[in-house]
Amino acid sequence: MSLERGYVQASRTETGRLLAALAATRTGTIAECGTGCGVGAAWLRSGAPKKTRVITAELDPELAHGVMDMFAGDDIDVMHADWSSLSEHAPFSLIFMDATSAKGWPREKIVELLEEGGMIVLDDFTPCPTWPPVEGGRVDSLRLDWLSDERFTSVDVMVAEDTSVVIAVKK
């Protein structure tokens, strides 16, 4: 489905395996902000315990309804909605979101959706060996904010030579 829709790269296999492993540690409800073609949601569901609910929200109607059809027989709830609609189903034990999307979303609203001990996983960062993290010659403020927020224990994990993921667990 992703190639049909013009997505050359959805969630990478390396990131997907990490998502499945993290989802395996979660109970309650897991959310994905920005379903795209459903790759991330599928990885989350593949690792999550059977009783853990997986819900994903996609604003694009064509993508949302395509993924709804694709997951019709699976245990994944797909919403054609803005990410903020997920608040109706909070709190979440894990939220997965693309770093590009997260740049435009109010951080405090995202934090409020997490339960104590819940984690947020932000992907699509470029690995950076320096501190503070730099992207394109400038401080990567999104990554810096998540890694230095005292409400979280956070780590930047390089999942492949050219991509990293920030994992932040709410204290």
Protein backbone atom coordinates (compact mmCIF):
# COMPACT_ATOMS: atom_id res chain seq x y z
CA MET A 1 0.00 0.00 0.00
CA SER A 2 2.78 2.47 0.80
CA LEU A 3 4.39 2.21 -2.65
CA GLU A 4 0.98 2.57 -4.29
CA ARG A 5 0.47 5.81 -2.36
CA GLY A 6 3.89 7.20 -3.30
CA TYR A 7 5.65 6.45 -0.01
CA VAL A 8 9.12 5.22 -0.83
CA GLN A 9 9.96 4.77 2.82
CA ALA A 10 7.48 4.12 5.60
CA SER A 11 8.67 3.06 9.06
CA ARG A 12 11.97 1.30 8.53
CA THR A 13 12.41 -2.33 9.50
CA GLU A 14 14.96 -1.37 12.16
CA THR A 15 12.55 1.12 13.71
CA GLY A 16 9.69 -1.34 13.37
CA ARG A 17 11.54 -4.04 15.26
CA LEU A 18 12.29 -1.56 18.03
CA LEU A 19 8.60 -0.54 18.13
CA ALA A 20 7.51 -4.17 18.39
CA ALA A 21 9.96 -4.79 21.24
CA LEU A 22 8.83 -1.66 23.11
CA ALA A 23 5.15 -2.49 22.52
CA ALA A 24 5.76 -5.94 24.02
CA THR A 25 6.43 -4.21 27.37
CA ARG A 26 3.18 -2.22 27.33
CA THR A 27 -0.35 -2.82 28.56
CA GLY A 28 -3.41 -0.58 28.34
CA THR A 29 -3.59 1.50 25.16
CA ILE A 30 -0.89 2.33 22.61
CA ALA A 31 -1.35 5.22 20.16
CA GLU A 32 0.21 6.20 16.88
CA CYS A 33 -0.06 9.77 15.64
CA GLY A 34 -0.11 9.79 11.85
CA THR A 35 -1.02 6.38 10.48
CA GLY A 36 0.31 6.97 7.00
CA CYS A 37 0.05 3.59 5.27
CA GLY A 38 -0.21 1.62 8.52
CA VAL A 39 3.32 0.27 8.76
CA GLY A 40 4.03 1.66 12.25
CA ALA A 41 0.67 0.46 13.58
CA ALA A 42 1.35 -3.02 12.22
CA TRP A 43 4.73 -3.14 13.98
CA LEU A 44 3.13 -1.97 17.25
CA ARG A 45 0.39 -4.60 17.00
CA SER A 46 2.92 -7.34 16.18
CA GLY A 47 4.70 -6.79 19.48
CA ALA A 48 1.90 -5.69 21.81
CA PRO A 49 0.26 -8.22 24.13
CA LYS A 50 -3.20 -9.31 22.92
CA LYS A 51 -5.04 -7.31 25.59
CA THR A 52 -3.16 -4.11 24.71
CA ARG A 53 -5.26 -1.81 22.51
CA VAL A 54 -3.57 -0.25 19.46
CA ILE A 55 -5.16 2.92 18.07
CA THR A 56 -3.90 5.15 15.29
CA ALA A 57 -5.10 8.48 13.87
CA GLU A 58 -4.65 9.75 10.32
CA LEU A 59 -5.87 13.11 9.01
CA ASP A 60 -5.71 12.23 5.30
CA PRO A 61 -9.08 10.62 4.49
CA GLU A 62 -7.77 8.47 1.64
CA LEU A 63 -4.95 7.05 3.75
CA ALA A 64 -7.15 6.59 6.83
CA HIS A 65 -9.88 4.71 4.99
CA GLY A 66 -7.37 2.63 3.04
CA VAL A 67 -5.72 1.52 6.29
CA MET A 68 -9.14 0.91 7.89
CA ASP A 69 -9.91 -1.49 5.05
CA MET A 70 -6.49 -3.11 5.26
CA PHE A 71 -6.79 -3.68 9.04
CA ALA A 72 -10.49 -4.64 8.99
CA GLY A 73 -9.72 -8.13 10.30
CA ASP A 74 -6.95 -7.05 12.69
CA ASP A 75 -7.04 -5.72 16.22
CA ILE A 76 -6.04 -2.14 15.32
CA ASP A 77 -8.41 0.82 15.68
CA VAL A 78 -7.91 3.34 12.86
CA MET A 79 -9.39 6.82 13.21
CA HIS A 80 -9.84 9.31 10.39
CA ALA A 81 -9.03 12.23 12.64
CA ASP A 82 -6.46 14.76 13.76
CA TRP A 83 -3.96 13.53 16.36
CA SER A 84 -5.69 15.61 19.06
CA SER A 85 -8.75 13.33 18.76
CA LEU A 86 -6.66 10.63 20.38
CA SER A 87 -7.12 12.44 23.71
CA GLU A 88 -10.55 10.79 23.97
CA HIS A 89 -8.76 7.45 24.38
CA ALA A 90 -5.94 8.57 26.73
CA PRO A 91 -3.99 7.90 28.83
CA PHE A 92 -1.53 5.93 26.71
CA SER A 93 1.23 3.60 27.77
CA LEU A 94 3.10 4.33 24.51
CA ILE A 95 2.77 6.99 21.82
CA PHE A 96 4.59 6.64 18.52
CA MET A 97 4.99 9.69 16.34
CA ASP A 98 7.11 10.99 13.53
CA ALA A 99 9.55 13.69 14.62
CA THR A 100 8.60 15.91 11.68
CA SER A 101 4.95 15.86 12.74
CA ALA A 102 5.84 16.44 16.39
CA LYS A 103 7.55 19.73 15.57
CA GLY A 104 4.19 21.36 14.95
CA TRP A 105 2.26 19.86 17.84
CA PRO A 106 1.99 21.42 21.30
CA ARG A 107 4.41 19.40 23.40
CA GLU A 108 2.49 19.81 26.64
CA LYS A 109 -0.63 18.35 25.04
CA ILE A 110 1.36 15.28 24.00
CA VAL A 111 2.80 14.87 27.52
CA GLU A 112 -0.72 15.03 29.00
CA LEU A 113 -1.74 12.00 26.90
CA LEU A 114 0.86 9.75 28.56
CA GLU A 115 0.25 7.77 31.72
CA GLU A 116 2.90 7.67 34.43
CA GLY A 117 5.59 5.31 33.17
CA GLY A 118 4.31 5.79 29.61
CA MET A 119 6.74 6.31 26.77
CA ILE A 120 6.89 8.39 23.67
CA VAL A 121 8.83 7.20 20.65
CA LEU A 122 9.81 9.82 18.08
CA ASP A 123 11.47 8.63 14.90
CA ASP A 124 13.23 9.99 11.82
CA PHE A 125 16.09 11.83 13.49
CA THR A 126 19.51 12.01 11.90
CA PRO A 127 22.11 10.47 14.24
CA CYS A 128 24.27 13.09 15.93
CA PRO A 129 27.37 12.33 18.05
CA THR A 130 27.55 15.81 19.61
CA TRP A 131 25.82 17.56 22.49
CA PRO A 132 23.72 19.49 22.08
CA PRO A 133 22.34 17.57 19.10
CA VAL A 134 22.70 19.40 15.80
CA GLU A 135 20.68 19.02 12.59
CA GLY A 136 21.58 20.98 9.46
CA GLY A 137 24.09 23.15 11.32
CA ARG A 138 21.59 24.22 13.98
CA VAL A 139 20.67 22.90 17.41
CA ASP A 140 17.96 20.26 17.02
CA SER A 141 15.58 21.85 19.53
CA LEU A 142 12.92 19.13 19.29
CA ARG A 143 15.42 16.39 20.18
CA LEU A 144 17.10 18.58 22.81
CA ASP A 145 13.75 19.33 24.47
CA TRP A 146 12.78 15.64 24.77
CA LEU A 147 16.25 14.54 25.90
CA SER A 148 16.58 17.23 28.56
CA ASP A 149 13.00 17.29 29.94
CA GLU A 150 13.28 16.38 33.64
CA ARG A 151 9.85 14.71 33.60
CA PHE A 152 11.35 11.95 31.45
CA THR A 153 14.18 9.48 31.32
CA SER A 154 15.21 9.70 27.68
CA VAL A 155 17.65 8.25 25.20
CA ASP A 156 18.54 8.83 21.55
CA VAL A 157 18.98 5.39 19.94
CA MET A 158 20.67 4.98 16.57
CA VAL A 159 18.62 2.27 14.83
CA ALA A 160 20.56 2.41 11.54
CA GLU A 161 23.56 4.29 10.21
CA ASP A 162 21.33 7.13 8.99
CA THR A 163 18.43 7.25 11.45
CA SER A 164 17.81 7.47 15.18
CA VAL A 165 14.83 7.35 17.51
CA VAL A 166 14.24 9.27 20.75
CA ILE A 167 12.58 7.23 23.49
CA ALA A 168 11.30 9.19 26.49
CA VAL A 169 9.72 7.45 29.50
CA LYS A 170 7.56 9.58 31.79
CA LYS A 171 8.66 9.48 35.43
